[in-house]
Amino acid sequence: MNLISQQIAPTVRQAFRGLPHRSRRSWNNTDLRAQSDAYRGTGGCSEENGDCGFRPAFRDDDTGIIYRARFLDGRLAPFHLLDGLPDEVVVTRTETGRVIAVKGSLVSGFVRLGRFYTRDEAAAAVSETVPCAA
């Protein structure tokens, strides 16, 4: 763990206290916003790591399947968005298709060069080793 990761880890853990544990309960857009807020400034957000080749995605820890973040119409999204996720991971949707809640086993993160990175892993990679566009 690098110095930046050591400094942010306690803050991030504190911010996530009370948020859903992957195996405990479903989660929603409010939780997703809290995750993004907790990682802002660390490299664990889309706007901070996109130039490094990271693309927002989700992994279902129950199945290992990775889903790229998409808009409701199926287009790839440049940030984390629940609306484009498939029914397999959605717990509740509105009549218009908007996602209200997803499975607790879903983890937000990023895909880069075919590999899934959690937000922690992406933040560490951005701060340590990943060459980013200038």
Protein backbone atom coordinates (compact mmCIF):
# COMPACT_ATOMS: atom_id res chain seq x y z
CA MET A 1 0.00 0.00 0.00
CA ASN A 2 1.43 3.36 -0.99
CA LEU A 3 1.40 6.53 1.09
CA ILE A 4 -1.71 7.93 -0.62
CA SER A 5 -3.59 4.65 -0.08
CA GLN A 6 -2.54 4.63 3.58
CA GLN A 7 -3.82 8.17 4.01
CA ILE A 8 -7.17 7.66 2.30
CA ALA A 9 -7.97 4.14 3.51
CA PRO A 10 -9.21 5.21 6.98
CA THR A 11 -11.27 8.03 5.46
CA VAL A 12 -12.84 5.74 2.89
CA ARG A 13 -13.57 3.04 5.46
CA GLN A 14 -15.18 5.64 7.71
CA ALA A 15 -17.29 6.97 4.82
CA PHE A 16 -18.49 3.45 4.04
CA ARG A 17 -19.47 2.64 7.60
CA GLY A 18 -23.17 1.89 7.46
CA LEU A 19 -23.23 1.33 3.68
CA PRO A 20 -24.25 -2.08 2.40
CA HIS A 21 -21.83 -4.94 2.69
CA ARG A 22 -21.77 -6.84 -0.59
CA SER A 23 -23.40 -9.92 0.88
CA ARG A 24 -25.87 -8.22 3.22
CA ARG A 25 -28.41 -6.13 1.37
CA SER A 26 -29.28 -4.48 -1.89
CA TRP A 27 -28.04 -0.96 -2.55
CA ASN A 28 -29.10 2.02 -4.66
CA ASN A 29 -28.12 5.30 -6.31
CA THR A 30 -27.72 7.04 -2.96
CA ASP A 31 -25.14 4.42 -1.97
CA LEU A 32 -23.43 4.79 -5.36
CA ARG A 33 -23.15 8.56 -4.87
CA ALA A 34 -21.71 7.99 -1.39
CA GLN A 35 -19.10 5.64 -2.87
CA SER A 36 -18.11 8.22 -5.49
CA ASP A 37 -17.93 10.95 -2.87
CA ALA A 38 -15.78 8.77 -0.61
CA TYR A 39 -13.28 8.14 -3.43
CA ARG A 40 -13.19 11.66 -4.87
CA GLY A 41 -9.62 12.85 -5.04
CA THR A 42 -8.11 9.36 -4.82
CA GLY A 43 -8.21 8.17 -8.44
CA GLY A 44 -11.14 5.90 -7.59
CA CYS A 45 -13.68 7.99 -9.56
CA SER A 46 -14.40 7.99 -13.29
CA GLU A 47 -13.49 11.63 -13.82
CA GLU A 48 -10.08 11.02 -12.22
CA ASN A 49 -9.00 7.83 -13.94
CA GLY A 50 -10.63 7.82 -17.38
CA ASP A 51 -7.47 9.21 -18.99
CA CYS A 52 -5.66 6.17 -17.59
CA GLY A 53 -7.92 3.79 -19.50
CA PHE A 54 -10.26 2.89 -16.64
CA ARG A 55 -13.92 2.49 -17.61
CA PRO A 56 -16.73 2.36 -15.01
CA ALA A 57 -18.06 -1.12 -14.41
CA PHE A 58 -19.64 -3.42 -11.85
CA ARG A 59 -18.76 -6.98 -10.85
CA ASP A 60 -21.22 -9.42 -9.38
CA ASP A 61 -19.24 -11.22 -6.69
CA ASP A 62 -21.78 -14.08 -6.74
CA THR A 63 -21.10 -14.90 -10.39
CA GLY A 64 -17.88 -13.07 -11.28
CA ILE A 65 -19.64 -11.43 -14.23
CA ILE A 66 -18.50 -7.90 -15.05
CA TYR A 67 -20.95 -5.34 -16.42
CA ARG A 68 -19.83 -2.08 -18.02
CA ALA A 69 -21.76 0.96 -16.84
CA ARG A 70 -24.45 1.84 -19.38
CA PHE A 71 -27.22 4.31 -19.89
CA LEU A 72 -30.79 3.00 -19.88
CA ASP A 73 -30.72 2.83 -23.70
CA GLY A 74 -27.64 0.57 -23.64
CA ARG A 75 -24.95 3.10 -24.60
CA LEU A 76 -21.74 2.90 -22.57
CA ALA A 77 -21.71 5.48 -19.78
CA PRO A 78 -18.60 7.50 -18.86
CA PHE A 79 -19.49 7.21 -15.14
CA HIS A 80 -21.14 4.69 -12.83
CA LEU A 81 -24.83 4.39 -13.53
CA LEU A 82 -27.20 1.66 -12.33
CA ASP A 83 -29.92 2.11 -14.97
CA GLY A 84 -28.21 0.09 -17.71
CA LEU A 85 -27.61 -3.01 -15.59
CA PRO A 86 -29.34 -6.27 -16.61
CA ASP A 87 -32.23 -7.83 -14.73
CA GLU A 88 -29.91 -10.51 -13.28
CA VAL A 89 -28.44 -7.98 -10.84
CA VAL A 90 -31.39 -5.62 -10.43
CA VAL A 91 -33.60 -6.07 -7.39
CA THR A 92 -36.15 -3.34 -8.18
CA ARG A 93 -36.94 -1.18 -11.24
CA THR A 94 -39.51 1.50 -11.91
CA GLU A 95 -42.11 0.98 -14.64
CA THR A 96 -39.96 3.12 -16.95
CA GLY A 97 -36.90 0.91 -16.41
CA ARG A 98 -34.93 3.06 -13.97
CA VAL A 99 -33.09 1.00 -11.36
CA ILE A 100 -34.13 1.50 -7.77
CA ALA A 101 -31.93 -1.20 -6.15
CA VAL A 102 -29.29 -3.75 -7.14
CA LYS A 103 -28.03 -6.96 -5.54
CA GLY A 104 -25.77 -6.62 -2.53
CA SER A 105 -23.15 -8.75 -4.30
CA LEU A 106 -22.60 -6.04 -6.93
CA VAL A 107 -19.34 -4.09 -6.56
CA SER A 108 -18.63 -0.81 -8.33
CA GLY A 109 -15.22 -0.48 -9.91
CA PHE A 110 -13.53 -0.20 -13.29
CA VAL A 111 -12.36 -2.24 -16.23
CA ARG A 112 -8.97 -1.58 -17.76
CA LEU A 113 -7.37 -3.80 -20.40
CA GLY A 114 -9.87 -6.57 -19.66
CA ARG A 115 -9.26 -6.62 -15.90
CA PHE A 116 -11.70 -5.52 -13.21
CA TYR A 117 -10.38 -3.12 -10.57
CA THR A 118 -12.23 -2.23 -7.38
CA ARG A 119 -12.24 1.46 -6.54
CA ASP A 120 -9.40 0.86 -4.06
CA GLU A 121 -7.35 -0.98 -6.68
CA ALA A 122 -7.96 1.70 -9.30
CA ALA A 123 -6.98 4.45 -6.87
CA ALA A 124 -3.78 2.61 -6.00
CA ALA A 125 -2.94 1.95 -9.66
CA VAL A 126 -3.50 5.57 -10.63
CA SER A 127 -1.29 6.85 -7.83
CA GLU A 128 1.47 4.25 -8.27
CA THR A 129 1.95 2.77 -11.68
CA VAL A 130 -0.58 3.51 -14.38
CA PRO A 131 0.72 5.90 -17.04
CA CYS A 132 -2.08 8.36 -17.82
CA ALA A 133 -2.56 10.69 -20.74
CA ALA A 134 -1.29 14.17 -20.06
